[in-house]
């Protein structure tokens, strides 16, 4: 079994997982192969075991179920995928790190780093929060301003109609200005609301991807 066969089989075995989780897991193992290099492809496959083993490990980690690695180490299973290591290669690979699939351990490491570097991380977090709050408020203010123009236009139209009998010329001018303001306010309100519908979900997805990056490698 080569790298391509391994990845194709792994992706097939993860087909029942949510698309985002599946792509993140597949990308993780693809990056693992890429970091090891083409020359070490066979060693990486021996280290990872079969695609079934990797898939079950990913599913157990995601669904929080028990994963018994010993079930994938018996002789018949290993010979099926030609991945039984010799004693010499096993001792030579003992020092190599295995893929890190425990989200709990990753979270502990991230928290430990955050505690040690808390002044820097706090400053960065506050800066990011400030920028995000400014963007949210900016688009919210645009909506409020557009609604204000819309309301002002409506009020101006009413005032113009109210003085139509007493001062017809002035009433026409006032009503015309009010109608113009109302139309502009309506267009601006619709446009800014649609803009918020696009921007806010995009910001939320970006934030979620940023939070997921330490656990799943590349954002998806």
N, C-alpha and C. Protein backbone atom coordinates (compact mmCIF):
# COMPACT_ATOMS: atom_id res chain seq x y z
N UNK A 1 0.84 -1.20 0.00
CA UNK A 1 0.00 0.00 0.00
C UNK A 1 0.88 1.25 0.00
N UNK A 2 0.61 2.18 -0.91
CA UNK A 2 1.37 3.41 -0.97
C UNK A 2 0.56 4.55 -0.34
N UNK A 3 1.16 5.74 -0.41
CA UNK A 3 0.52 6.91 0.21
C UNK A 3 -0.84 7.21 -0.40
N UNK A 4 -0.93 7.20 -1.73
CA UNK A 4 -2.18 7.52 -2.39
C UNK A 4 -3.28 6.55 -2.01
N UNK A 5 -2.97 5.25 -2.02
CA UNK A 5 -3.95 4.24 -1.64
C UNK A 5 -4.40 4.43 -0.20
N UNK A 6 -3.45 4.75 0.67
CA UNK A 6 -3.76 4.96 2.08
C UNK A 6 -4.75 6.11 2.24
N UNK A 7 -4.48 7.25 1.57
CA UNK A 7 -5.33 8.42 1.73
C UNK A 7 -6.71 8.21 1.12
N UNK A 8 -6.77 7.54 -0.02
CA UNK A 8 -8.07 7.27 -0.65
C UNK A 8 -8.92 6.37 0.24
N UNK A 9 -8.29 5.33 0.79
CA UNK A 9 -9.01 4.40 1.66
C UNK A 9 -9.44 5.10 2.96
N UNK A 10 -8.57 5.94 3.49
CA UNK A 10 -8.89 6.66 4.72
C UNK A 10 -10.10 7.58 4.50
N UNK A 11 -10.09 8.30 3.38
CA UNK A 11 -11.21 9.21 3.10
C UNK A 11 -12.50 8.43 2.91
N UNK A 12 -12.42 7.27 2.30
CA UNK A 12 -13.62 6.44 2.12
C UNK A 12 -14.17 5.96 3.46
N UNK A 13 -13.29 5.58 4.35
CA UNK A 13 -13.70 5.06 5.65
C UNK A 13 -14.29 6.16 6.55
N UNK A 14 -13.95 7.39 6.25
CA UNK A 14 -14.47 8.52 7.06
C UNK A 14 -15.69 9.16 6.42
N UNK A 15 -16.26 8.52 5.41
CA UNK A 15 -17.36 9.12 4.65
C UNK A 15 -18.59 9.38 5.51
N UNK A 16 -18.75 8.65 6.63
CA UNK A 16 -19.93 8.84 7.47
C UNK A 16 -19.77 9.97 8.48
N UNK A 17 -18.61 10.60 8.51
CA UNK A 17 -18.40 11.72 9.41
C UNK A 17 -18.86 13.03 8.77
N UNK A 18 -19.10 14.07 9.56
CA UNK A 18 -19.42 15.38 8.97
C UNK A 18 -18.33 15.84 8.03
N UNK A 19 -18.73 16.50 6.94
CA UNK A 19 -17.79 16.86 5.89
C UNK A 19 -16.61 17.68 6.42
N UNK A 20 -16.90 18.64 7.28
CA UNK A 20 -15.84 19.52 7.78
C UNK A 20 -14.83 18.73 8.61
N UNK A 21 -15.33 17.84 9.47
CA UNK A 21 -14.44 17.04 10.31
C UNK A 21 -13.63 16.07 9.45
N UNK A 22 -14.30 15.50 8.45
CA UNK A 22 -13.61 14.53 7.60
C UNK A 22 -12.47 15.19 6.82
N UNK A 23 -12.75 16.35 6.24
CA UNK A 23 -11.72 17.05 5.47
C UNK A 23 -10.55 17.46 6.36
N UNK A 24 -10.86 17.89 7.60
CA UNK A 24 -9.80 18.30 8.52
C UNK A 24 -8.90 17.12 8.86
N UNK A 25 -9.51 15.94 9.12
CA UNK A 25 -8.73 14.76 9.47
C UNK A 25 -7.88 14.28 8.30
N UNK A 26 -8.48 14.26 7.10
CA UNK A 26 -7.73 13.83 5.92
C UNK A 26 -6.57 14.79 5.65
N UNK A 27 -6.82 16.08 5.81
CA UNK A 27 -5.76 17.07 5.59
C UNK A 27 -4.63 16.89 6.59
N UNK A 28 -4.98 16.52 7.83
CA UNK A 28 -3.96 16.32 8.85
C UNK A 28 -3.01 15.20 8.43
N UNK A 29 -3.56 14.07 7.99
CA UNK A 29 -2.69 12.96 7.60
C UNK A 29 -1.95 13.25 6.29
N UNK A 30 -2.58 14.01 5.40
CA UNK A 30 -1.87 14.40 4.18
C UNK A 30 -0.67 15.27 4.52
N UNK A 31 -0.84 16.18 5.46
CA UNK A 31 0.28 17.03 5.89
C UNK A 31 1.35 16.20 6.59
N UNK A 32 0.91 15.17 7.30
CA UNK A 32 1.87 14.32 7.99
C UNK A 32 2.77 13.58 6.99
N UNK A 33 2.15 13.08 5.92
CA UNK A 33 2.94 12.44 4.87
C UNK A 33 3.87 13.45 4.21
N UNK A 34 3.34 14.64 3.93
CA UNK A 34 4.14 15.66 3.26
C UNK A 34 5.35 16.07 4.10
N UNK A 35 5.16 16.19 5.40
CA UNK A 35 6.26 16.58 6.28
C UNK A 35 7.34 15.50 6.33
N UNK A 36 6.90 14.24 6.26
CA UNK A 36 7.86 13.14 6.32
C UNK A 36 8.67 13.02 5.03
N UNK A 37 8.10 13.41 3.92
CA UNK A 37 8.79 13.33 2.64
C UNK A 37 8.52 12.02 1.92
N UNK A 38 8.62 12.07 0.60
CA UNK A 38 8.33 10.89 -0.21
C UNK A 38 9.25 9.73 0.10
N UNK A 39 10.50 10.02 0.47
CA UNK A 39 11.47 8.96 0.76
C UNK A 39 11.07 8.14 1.98
N UNK A 40 10.34 8.75 2.90
CA UNK A 40 9.95 8.07 4.14
C UNK A 40 8.50 7.59 4.11
N UNK A 41 7.92 7.51 2.93
CA UNK A 41 6.51 7.14 2.80
C UNK A 41 6.22 5.78 3.41
N UNK A 42 7.05 4.80 3.11
CA UNK A 42 6.81 3.44 3.63
C UNK A 42 6.92 3.42 5.15
N UNK A 43 7.89 4.16 5.69
CA UNK A 43 8.05 4.21 7.14
C UNK A 43 6.84 4.84 7.81
N UNK A 44 6.29 5.87 7.20
CA UNK A 44 5.12 6.54 7.76
C UNK A 44 3.93 5.60 7.77
N UNK A 45 3.75 4.84 6.68
CA UNK A 45 2.62 3.91 6.60
C UNK A 45 2.76 2.83 7.66
N UNK A 46 4.00 2.32 7.86
CA UNK A 46 4.20 1.33 8.93
C UNK A 46 3.90 1.92 10.30
N UNK A 47 4.26 3.18 10.45
CA UNK A 47 4.04 3.83 11.74
C UNK A 47 2.56 4.08 12.01
N UNK A 48 1.82 4.50 10.97
CA UNK A 48 0.41 4.80 11.14
C UNK A 48 -0.44 3.54 11.25
N UNK A 49 0.00 2.46 10.66
CA UNK A 49 -0.82 1.27 10.59
C UNK A 49 -1.73 1.33 9.37
N UNK A 50 -2.82 0.61 9.39
CA UNK A 50 -3.72 0.57 8.24
C UNK A 50 -4.65 1.78 8.23
N UNK A 51 -5.27 2.05 7.09
CA UNK A 51 -6.28 3.13 7.05
C UNK A 51 -7.42 2.88 8.02
N UNK A 52 -7.80 1.62 8.22
CA UNK A 52 -8.87 1.30 9.16
C UNK A 52 -8.49 1.72 10.58
N UNK A 53 -7.24 1.47 10.93
CA UNK A 53 -6.77 1.84 12.27
C UNK A 53 -6.82 3.35 12.45
N UNK A 54 -6.31 4.07 11.43
CA UNK A 54 -6.32 5.53 11.52
C UNK A 54 -7.75 6.06 11.56
N UNK A 55 -8.64 5.48 10.74
CA UNK A 55 -10.04 5.94 10.70
C UNK A 55 -10.74 5.71 12.02
N UNK A 56 -10.54 4.53 12.61
CA UNK A 56 -11.17 4.24 13.89
C UNK A 56 -10.63 5.13 14.99
N UNK A 57 -9.34 5.45 14.93
CA UNK A 57 -8.76 6.37 15.91
C UNK A 57 -9.37 7.76 15.80
N UNK A 58 -9.56 8.24 14.56
CA UNK A 58 -10.17 9.55 14.32
C UNK A 58 -11.61 9.57 14.82
N UNK A 59 -12.37 8.52 14.49
CA UNK A 59 -13.78 8.47 14.89
C UNK A 59 -13.90 8.38 16.41
N UNK A 60 -13.03 7.58 17.04
CA UNK A 60 -13.08 7.45 18.49
C UNK A 60 -12.79 8.80 19.15
N UNK A 61 -11.83 9.51 18.58
CA UNK A 61 -11.48 10.83 19.13
C UNK A 61 -12.62 11.83 18.94
N UNK A 62 -13.28 11.77 17.79
CA UNK A 62 -14.35 12.72 17.49
C UNK A 62 -15.62 12.41 18.26
N UNK A 63 -16.02 11.12 18.30
CA UNK A 63 -17.27 10.75 18.96
C UNK A 63 -17.09 10.46 20.44
N UNK A 64 -15.84 10.43 20.91
CA UNK A 64 -15.60 10.18 22.32
C UNK A 64 -15.80 8.73 22.72
N UNK A 65 -15.58 7.81 21.78
CA UNK A 65 -15.73 6.39 22.07
C UNK A 65 -14.36 5.77 22.36
N UNK A 66 -14.39 4.53 22.79
CA UNK A 66 -13.14 3.84 23.15
C UNK A 66 -12.47 3.28 21.90
N UNK A 67 -11.16 3.41 21.84
CA UNK A 67 -10.39 2.88 20.71
C UNK A 67 -9.34 1.93 21.26
N UNK A 68 -9.44 0.66 20.87
CA UNK A 68 -8.50 -0.37 21.34
C UNK A 68 -7.48 -0.62 20.24
N UNK A 69 -6.30 -0.06 20.41
CA UNK A 69 -5.26 -0.19 19.38
C UNK A 69 -4.82 -1.63 19.20
N UNK A 70 -4.94 -2.43 20.24
CA UNK A 70 -4.49 -3.82 20.16
C UNK A 70 -5.28 -4.62 19.13
N UNK A 71 -6.52 -4.20 18.86
CA UNK A 71 -7.34 -4.93 17.87
C UNK A 71 -6.74 -4.86 16.48
N UNK A 72 -5.84 -3.90 16.24
CA UNK A 72 -5.27 -3.70 14.91
C UNK A 72 -3.80 -4.14 14.85
N UNK A 73 -3.36 -4.88 15.84
CA UNK A 73 -1.96 -5.27 15.89
C UNK A 73 -1.73 -6.77 15.69
N UNK A 74 -2.82 -7.56 15.60
CA UNK A 74 -2.60 -9.00 15.49
C UNK A 74 -2.03 -9.37 14.13
N UNK A 75 -1.45 -10.55 14.07
CA UNK A 75 -0.64 -10.95 12.92
C UNK A 75 -1.43 -10.96 11.62
N UNK A 76 -2.62 -11.55 11.61
CA UNK A 76 -3.39 -11.66 10.38
C UNK A 76 -3.74 -10.29 9.83
N UNK A 77 -4.07 -9.40 10.73
CA UNK A 77 -4.44 -8.06 10.28
C UNK A 77 -3.24 -7.34 9.67
N UNK A 78 -2.10 -7.42 10.31
CA UNK A 78 -0.92 -6.72 9.82
C UNK A 78 -0.44 -7.30 8.50
N UNK A 79 -0.51 -8.62 8.36
CA UNK A 79 -0.05 -9.24 7.12
C UNK A 79 -0.99 -8.88 5.95
N UNK A 80 -2.24 -8.63 6.26
CA UNK A 80 -3.20 -8.28 5.21
C UNK A 80 -2.77 -7.01 4.50
N UNK A 81 -2.24 -6.06 5.23
CA UNK A 81 -1.82 -4.79 4.66
C UNK A 81 -0.30 -4.68 4.52
N UNK A 82 0.41 -5.79 4.75
CA UNK A 82 1.86 -5.84 4.59
C UNK A 82 2.56 -4.72 5.38
N UNK A 83 2.14 -4.57 6.60
CA UNK A 83 2.67 -3.49 7.42
C UNK A 83 3.32 -3.99 8.71
N UNK A 84 3.69 -5.24 8.75
CA UNK A 84 4.37 -5.75 9.93
C UNK A 84 5.83 -5.32 9.87
N UNK A 85 6.31 -4.66 10.87
CA UNK A 85 7.67 -4.12 10.89
C UNK A 85 8.64 -5.17 11.43
N UNK A 86 9.83 -5.14 10.87
CA UNK A 86 10.88 -6.00 11.40
C UNK A 86 11.38 -5.44 12.72
N UNK A 87 12.13 -6.26 13.48
CA UNK A 87 12.62 -5.83 14.79
C UNK A 87 13.57 -4.65 14.65
N UNK A 88 14.40 -4.64 13.59
CA UNK A 88 15.36 -3.55 13.39
C UNK A 88 14.68 -2.24 13.07
N UNK A 89 13.71 -2.25 12.15
CA UNK A 89 13.05 -1.01 11.79
C UNK A 89 12.19 -0.50 12.93
N UNK A 90 11.64 -1.42 13.74
CA UNK A 90 10.83 -0.99 14.87
C UNK A 90 11.66 -0.26 15.90
N UNK A 91 12.87 -0.79 16.16
CA UNK A 91 13.74 -0.13 17.14
C UNK A 91 14.23 1.21 16.61
N UNK A 92 14.44 1.30 15.28
CA UNK A 92 14.91 2.56 14.70
C UNK A 92 13.84 3.63 14.69
N UNK A 93 12.55 3.20 14.72
CA UNK A 93 11.46 4.16 14.66
C UNK A 93 10.88 4.45 16.03
N UNK A 94 11.45 3.84 17.07
CA UNK A 94 10.89 4.00 18.41
C UNK A 94 10.90 5.45 18.85
N UNK A 95 11.90 6.20 18.37
CA UNK A 95 12.00 7.58 18.79
C UNK A 95 11.16 8.55 18.00
N UNK A 96 10.52 8.07 16.93
CA UNK A 96 9.71 8.97 16.11
C UNK A 96 8.38 9.24 16.78
N UNK A 97 7.89 10.43 16.61
CA UNK A 97 6.63 10.81 17.23
C UNK A 97 5.48 10.29 16.37
N UNK A 98 4.42 9.89 17.04
CA UNK A 98 3.22 9.42 16.36
C UNK A 98 2.30 10.62 16.11
N UNK A 99 1.37 10.51 15.17
CA UNK A 99 0.45 11.62 14.93
C UNK A 99 -0.32 11.93 16.21
N UNK A 100 -0.41 13.17 16.50
CA UNK A 100 -1.06 13.61 17.72
C UNK A 100 -2.52 13.83 17.45
N UNK A 101 -3.39 12.90 17.91
CA UNK A 101 -4.80 12.99 17.60
C UNK A 101 -5.65 13.28 18.82
N UNK A 102 -5.03 13.48 19.99
CA UNK A 102 -5.80 13.73 21.20
C UNK A 102 -6.06 15.22 21.34
N UNK A 103 -7.29 15.59 21.20
CA UNK A 103 -7.65 17.00 21.34
C UNK A 103 -7.48 17.47 22.78
N UNK A 104 -7.64 16.55 23.74
CA UNK A 104 -7.48 16.92 25.14
C UNK A 104 -6.05 17.35 25.42
N UNK A 105 -5.09 16.56 24.90
CA UNK A 105 -3.68 16.91 25.12
C UNK A 105 -3.33 18.22 24.42
N UNK A 106 -3.88 18.41 23.23
CA UNK A 106 -3.64 19.66 22.51
C UNK A 106 -4.18 20.84 23.30
N UNK A 107 -5.38 20.68 23.86
CA UNK A 107 -5.99 21.76 24.63
C UNK A 107 -5.15 22.08 25.85
N UNK A 108 -4.64 21.05 26.52
CA UNK A 108 -3.79 21.27 27.70
C UNK A 108 -2.54 22.04 27.31
N UNK A 109 -1.92 21.66 26.19
CA UNK A 109 -0.72 22.35 25.73
C UNK A 109 -1.01 23.81 25.38
N UNK A 110 -2.14 24.04 24.70
CA UNK A 110 -2.50 25.41 24.33
C UNK A 110 -2.73 26.26 25.58
N UNK A 111 -3.42 25.68 26.57
CA UNK A 111 -3.68 26.41 27.81
C UNK A 111 -2.37 26.72 28.53
N UNK A 112 -1.44 25.72 28.55
CA UNK A 112 -0.16 25.94 29.21
C UNK A 112 0.63 27.06 28.53
N UNK A 113 0.63 27.07 27.20
CA UNK A 113 1.32 28.14 26.47
C UNK A 113 0.67 29.49 26.73
N UNK A 114 -0.67 29.49 26.77
CA UNK A 114 -1.39 30.74 27.02
C UNK A 114 -1.10 31.29 28.40
N UNK A 115 -0.96 30.37 29.41
CA UNK A 115 -0.66 30.82 30.77
C UNK A 115 0.73 31.43 30.84
N UNK A 116 1.70 30.78 30.18
CA UNK A 116 3.07 31.28 30.21
C UNK A 116 3.17 32.62 29.49
N UNK A 117 2.49 32.73 28.38
CA UNK A 117 2.58 33.95 27.56
C UNK A 117 1.35 34.82 27.72
N UNK A 118 0.71 34.81 28.91
CA UNK A 118 -0.57 35.48 29.06
C UNK A 118 -0.53 36.97 28.77
N UNK A 119 0.54 37.71 29.08
CA UNK A 119 0.50 39.14 28.74
C UNK A 119 0.37 39.37 27.23
N UNK A 120 1.14 38.56 26.47
CA UNK A 120 1.09 38.71 25.01
C UNK A 120 -0.25 38.24 24.45
N UNK A 121 -0.67 37.05 24.91
CA UNK A 121 -1.94 36.50 24.41
C UNK A 121 -3.12 37.37 24.81
N UNK A 122 -3.06 37.94 26.01
CA UNK A 122 -4.15 38.82 26.44
C UNK A 122 -4.21 40.07 25.56
N UNK A 123 -3.03 40.64 25.27
CA UNK A 123 -3.01 41.82 24.41
C UNK A 123 -3.53 41.51 23.02
N UNK A 124 -3.11 40.38 22.47
CA UNK A 124 -3.58 39.99 21.14
C UNK A 124 -5.08 39.74 21.15
N UNK A 125 -5.55 39.04 22.20
CA UNK A 125 -6.98 38.73 22.30
C UNK A 125 -7.81 40.01 22.40
N UNK A 126 -7.33 40.96 23.20
CA UNK A 126 -8.06 42.22 23.35
C UNK A 126 -8.06 43.01 22.04
N UNK A 127 -6.91 42.98 21.34
CA UNK A 127 -6.84 43.69 20.06
C UNK A 127 -7.80 43.08 19.04
N UNK A 128 -7.81 41.75 18.96
CA UNK A 128 -8.72 41.07 18.03
C UNK A 128 -10.17 41.36 18.39
N UNK A 129 -10.45 41.29 19.70
CA UNK A 129 -11.82 41.57 20.15
C UNK A 129 -12.22 43.00 19.82
N UNK A 130 -11.29 43.93 20.02
CA UNK A 130 -11.58 45.33 19.72
C UNK A 130 -11.86 45.56 18.25
N UNK A 131 -11.04 44.93 17.40
CA UNK A 131 -11.25 45.08 15.95
C UNK A 131 -12.59 44.47 15.53
N UNK A 132 -12.88 43.27 16.07
CA UNK A 132 -14.14 42.61 15.73
C UNK A 132 -15.33 43.45 16.20
N UNK A 133 -15.24 44.01 17.43
CA UNK A 133 -16.32 44.83 17.95
C UNK A 133 -16.50 46.10 17.11
N UNK A 134 -15.38 46.68 16.67
CA UNK A 134 -15.45 47.89 15.85
C UNK A 134 -16.14 47.60 14.52
N UNK A 135 -15.79 46.46 13.91
CA UNK A 135 -16.42 46.10 12.63
C UNK A 135 -17.91 45.86 12.80
N UNK A 136 -18.26 45.12 13.88
CA UNK A 136 -19.68 44.84 14.13
C UNK A 136 -20.45 46.13 14.35
N UNK A 137 -19.89 47.02 15.18
CA UNK A 137 -20.55 48.30 15.46
C UNK A 137 -20.65 49.18 14.21
N UNK A 138 -19.60 49.13 13.38
CA UNK A 138 -19.61 49.95 12.17
C UNK A 138 -20.79 49.61 11.26
N UNK A 139 -20.96 48.31 11.01
CA UNK A 139 -22.06 47.91 10.13
C UNK A 139 -23.42 48.12 10.81
N UNK A 140 -23.45 47.96 12.14
CA UNK A 140 -24.70 48.22 12.86
C UNK A 140 -25.07 49.70 12.77
N UNK A 141 -24.07 50.58 12.88
CA UNK A 141 -24.32 52.02 12.77
C UNK A 141 -24.82 52.37 11.37
N UNK A 142 -24.28 51.70 10.36
CA UNK A 142 -24.76 51.95 9.00
C UNK A 142 -26.24 51.63 8.87
N UNK A 143 -26.65 50.53 9.47
CA UNK A 143 -28.07 50.15 9.42
C UNK A 143 -28.91 51.18 10.16
N UNK A 144 -28.44 51.57 11.35
CA UNK A 144 -29.19 52.55 12.15
C UNK A 144 -29.31 53.88 11.41
N UNK A 145 -28.22 54.34 10.79
CA UNK A 145 -28.25 55.60 10.05
C UNK A 145 -29.21 55.52 8.87
N UNK A 146 -29.20 54.38 8.18
CA UNK A 146 -30.11 54.21 7.04
C UNK A 146 -31.57 54.25 7.49
N UNK A 147 -31.86 53.58 8.61
CA UNK A 147 -33.23 53.59 9.14
C UNK A 147 -33.63 55.00 9.57
N UNK A 148 -32.66 55.74 10.15
CA UNK A 148 -32.93 57.11 10.58
C UNK A 148 -33.29 58.00 9.39
N UNK A 149 -32.57 57.84 8.29
CA UNK A 149 -32.88 58.61 7.08
C UNK A 149 -34.27 58.24 6.55
N UNK A 150 -34.57 56.95 6.59
CA UNK A 150 -35.88 56.47 6.14
C UNK A 150 -36.99 57.10 6.97
N UNK A 151 -36.82 57.09 8.29
CA UNK A 151 -37.84 57.66 9.17
C UNK A 151 -37.96 59.17 8.97
N UNK A 152 -36.78 59.83 8.86
CA UNK A 152 -36.80 61.28 8.66
C UNK A 152 -37.51 61.65 7.36
N UNK A 153 -37.29 60.84 6.31
CA UNK A 153 -37.98 61.08 5.05
C UNK A 153 -39.48 60.94 5.19
N UNK A 154 -39.91 59.91 5.92
CA UNK A 154 -41.35 59.72 6.14
C UNK A 154 -41.96 60.87 6.91
N UNK A 155 -41.25 61.33 7.97
CA UNK A 155 -41.76 62.45 8.76
C UNK A 155 -41.85 63.72 7.90
N UNK A 156 -40.84 63.94 7.06
CA UNK A 156 -40.83 65.12 6.20
C UNK A 156 -41.99 65.10 5.22
N UNK A 157 -42.29 63.93 4.69
CA UNK A 157 -43.45 63.80 3.78
C UNK A 157 -44.74 64.17 4.52
N UNK A 158 -44.89 63.67 5.74
CA UNK A 158 -46.10 63.97 6.52
C UNK A 158 -46.21 65.46 6.79
N UNK A 159 -45.08 66.10 7.15
CA UNK A 159 -45.09 67.54 7.41
C UNK A 159 -45.47 68.31 6.14
N UNK A 160 -44.90 67.89 5.01
CA UNK A 160 -45.22 68.55 3.75
C UNK A 160 -46.69 68.45 3.42
N UNK A 161 -47.28 67.29 3.64
CA UNK A 161 -48.71 67.12 3.36
C UNK A 161 -49.56 67.92 4.34
N UNK A 162 -49.03 68.08 5.56
CA UNK A 162 -49.79 68.80 6.58
C UNK A 162 -49.92 70.29 6.25
N UNK A 163 -48.91 70.85 5.60
CA UNK A 163 -48.95 72.29 5.28
C UNK A 163 -49.35 72.53 3.83
N UNK A 164 -49.83 71.48 3.19
CA UNK A 164 -50.18 71.60 1.77
C UNK A 164 -51.27 72.64 1.54
N UNK A 165 -52.23 72.72 2.44
CA UNK A 165 -53.35 73.66 2.26
C UNK A 165 -52.89 75.09 2.50
N UNK A 166 -52.09 75.29 3.57
CA UNK A 166 -51.67 76.64 3.93
C UNK A 166 -50.64 77.20 2.95
N UNK A 167 -49.61 76.42 2.66
CA UNK A 167 -48.53 76.89 1.78
C UNK A 167 -48.25 75.80 0.74
N UNK A 168 -49.01 75.74 -0.34
CA UNK A 168 -48.83 74.66 -1.34
C UNK A 168 -47.43 74.58 -1.93
N UNK A 169 -46.79 75.67 -2.36
CA UNK A 169 -45.45 75.53 -2.94
C UNK A 169 -44.44 74.92 -1.96
N UNK A 170 -44.47 75.47 -0.73
CA UNK A 170 -43.54 74.94 0.27
C UNK A 170 -43.85 73.49 0.59
N UNK A 171 -45.13 73.13 0.56
CA UNK A 171 -45.54 71.75 0.85
C UNK A 171 -44.99 70.80 -0.21
N UNK A 172 -45.05 71.23 -1.48
CA UNK A 172 -44.54 70.38 -2.54
C UNK A 172 -43.03 70.16 -2.41
N UNK A 173 -42.32 71.24 -2.10
CA UNK A 173 -40.86 71.12 -1.93
C UNK A 173 -40.54 70.21 -0.75
N UNK A 174 -41.24 70.44 0.37
CA UNK A 174 -41.00 69.63 1.57
C UNK A 174 -41.33 68.16 1.33
N UNK A 175 -42.45 67.91 0.72
CA UNK A 175 -42.86 66.53 0.44
C UNK A 175 -41.89 65.87 -0.53
N UNK A 176 -41.42 66.65 -1.54
CA UNK A 176 -40.46 66.09 -2.49
C UNK A 176 -39.16 65.72 -1.82
N UNK A 177 -38.66 66.61 -0.93
CA UNK A 177 -37.43 66.30 -0.19
C UNK A 177 -37.64 65.08 0.70
N UNK A 178 -38.79 65.04 1.35
CA UNK A 178 -39.09 63.89 2.21
C UNK A 178 -39.15 62.59 1.43
N UNK A 179 -39.77 62.64 0.24
CA UNK A 179 -39.87 61.43 -0.59
C UNK A 179 -38.48 60.97 -1.03
N UNK A 180 -37.62 61.94 -1.39
CA UNK A 180 -36.25 61.60 -1.80
C UNK A 180 -35.49 60.95 -0.63
N UNK A 181 -35.62 61.56 0.55
CA UNK A 181 -34.96 60.99 1.73
C UNK A 181 -35.49 59.60 2.05
N UNK A 182 -36.80 59.42 1.90
CA UNK A 182 -37.42 58.12 2.19
C UNK A 182 -36.89 57.04 1.26
N UNK A 183 -36.82 57.36 -0.04
CA UNK A 183 -36.33 56.39 -1.02
C UNK A 183 -34.87 56.05 -0.77
N UNK A 184 -34.06 57.10 -0.55
CA UNK A 184 -32.64 56.85 -0.27
C UNK A 184 -32.46 56.04 1.01
N UNK A 185 -33.24 56.38 2.03
CA UNK A 185 -33.16 55.63 3.29
C UNK A 185 -33.58 54.18 3.12
N UNK A 186 -34.61 53.95 2.29
CA UNK A 186 -35.08 52.58 2.05
C UNK A 186 -34.01 51.77 1.33
N UNK A 187 -33.40 52.36 0.29
CA UNK A 187 -32.34 51.67 -0.45
C UNK A 187 -31.15 51.38 0.46
N UNK A 188 -30.76 52.40 1.24
CA UNK A 188 -29.61 52.22 2.14
C UNK A 188 -29.90 51.17 3.20
N UNK A 189 -31.12 51.13 3.71
CA UNK A 189 -31.48 50.14 4.74
C UNK A 189 -31.41 48.72 4.19
N UNK A 190 -31.99 48.53 3.01
CA UNK A 190 -31.94 47.20 2.39
C UNK A 190 -30.50 46.78 2.11
N UNK A 191 -29.71 47.73 1.58
CA UNK A 191 -28.32 47.40 1.25
C UNK A 191 -27.48 47.08 2.47
N UNK A 192 -27.62 47.89 3.53
CA UNK A 192 -26.81 47.65 4.73
C UNK A 192 -27.24 46.38 5.46
N UNK A 193 -28.53 46.09 5.46
CA UNK A 193 -28.99 44.84 6.09
C UNK A 193 -28.43 43.63 5.34
N UNK A 194 -28.47 43.66 4.00
CA UNK A 194 -27.90 42.56 3.21
C UNK A 194 -26.39 42.45 3.46
N UNK A 195 -25.73 43.58 3.60
CA UNK A 195 -24.30 43.58 3.87
C UNK A 195 -24.01 42.93 5.21
N UNK A 196 -24.82 43.24 6.21
CA UNK A 196 -24.65 42.61 7.53
C UNK A 196 -24.88 41.10 7.47
N UNK A 197 -25.87 40.70 6.65
CA UNK A 197 -26.16 39.27 6.52
C UNK A 197 -24.97 38.54 5.92
N UNK A 198 -24.19 39.21 5.08
CA UNK A 198 -23.01 38.60 4.47
C UNK A 198 -21.81 38.67 5.40
N UNK A 199 -21.60 39.84 6.00
CA UNK A 199 -20.39 40.07 6.78
C UNK A 199 -20.39 39.33 8.11
N UNK A 200 -21.48 39.39 8.85
CA UNK A 200 -21.51 38.79 10.19
C UNK A 200 -21.29 37.28 10.17
N UNK A 201 -22.00 36.52 9.30
CA UNK A 201 -21.71 35.07 9.25
C UNK A 201 -20.27 34.78 8.82
N UNK A 202 -19.73 35.60 7.89
CA UNK A 202 -18.35 35.39 7.45
C UNK A 202 -17.39 35.61 8.62
N UNK A 203 -17.63 36.62 9.42
CA UNK A 203 -16.79 36.86 10.60
C UNK A 203 -16.89 35.70 11.58
N UNK A 204 -18.10 35.18 11.77
CA UNK A 204 -18.29 34.06 12.70
C UNK A 204 -17.57 32.82 12.20
N UNK A 205 -17.66 32.55 10.88
CA UNK A 205 -16.96 31.38 10.34
C UNK A 205 -15.45 31.54 10.48
N UNK A 206 -14.96 32.76 10.24
CA UNK A 206 -13.53 33.00 10.40
C UNK A 206 -13.09 32.78 11.82
N UNK A 207 -13.89 33.22 12.79
CA UNK A 207 -13.55 33.02 14.20
C UNK A 207 -13.54 31.54 14.56
N UNK A 208 -14.54 30.80 14.07
CA UNK A 208 -14.61 29.36 14.36
C UNK A 208 -13.41 28.64 13.75
N UNK A 209 -13.05 28.97 12.51
CA UNK A 209 -11.90 28.35 11.86
C UNK A 209 -10.61 28.67 12.60
N UNK A 210 -10.51 29.90 13.10
CA UNK A 210 -9.32 30.29 13.86
C UNK A 210 -9.21 29.49 15.14
N UNK A 211 -10.33 29.26 15.80
CA UNK A 211 -10.33 28.46 17.03
C UNK A 211 -10.06 26.99 16.75
N UNK A 212 -10.46 26.50 15.57
CA UNK A 212 -10.27 25.09 15.23
C UNK A 212 -8.86 24.79 14.74
N UNK A 213 -8.16 25.82 14.27
CA UNK A 213 -6.84 25.61 13.67
C UNK A 213 -5.87 24.84 14.57
N UNK A 214 -5.78 25.15 15.89
CA UNK A 214 -4.84 24.41 16.72
C UNK A 214 -5.17 22.93 16.85
N UNK A 215 -6.45 22.56 16.63
CA UNK A 215 -6.86 21.18 16.82
C UNK A 215 -6.82 20.35 15.53
N UNK A 216 -7.04 20.99 14.39
CA UNK A 216 -7.17 20.24 13.14
C UNK A 216 -6.22 20.69 12.06
N UNK A 217 -5.23 21.49 12.40
CA UNK A 217 -4.25 21.92 11.42
C UNK A 217 -4.83 23.03 10.58
N UNK A 218 -4.92 22.87 9.28
CA UNK A 218 -5.40 23.91 8.40
C UNK A 218 -6.89 24.09 8.56
N UNK A 219 -7.30 25.36 8.48
CA UNK A 219 -8.72 25.65 8.54
C UNK A 219 -9.38 25.18 7.27
N UNK A 220 -10.66 24.83 7.37
CA UNK A 220 -11.38 24.34 6.21
C UNK A 220 -12.57 25.19 5.92
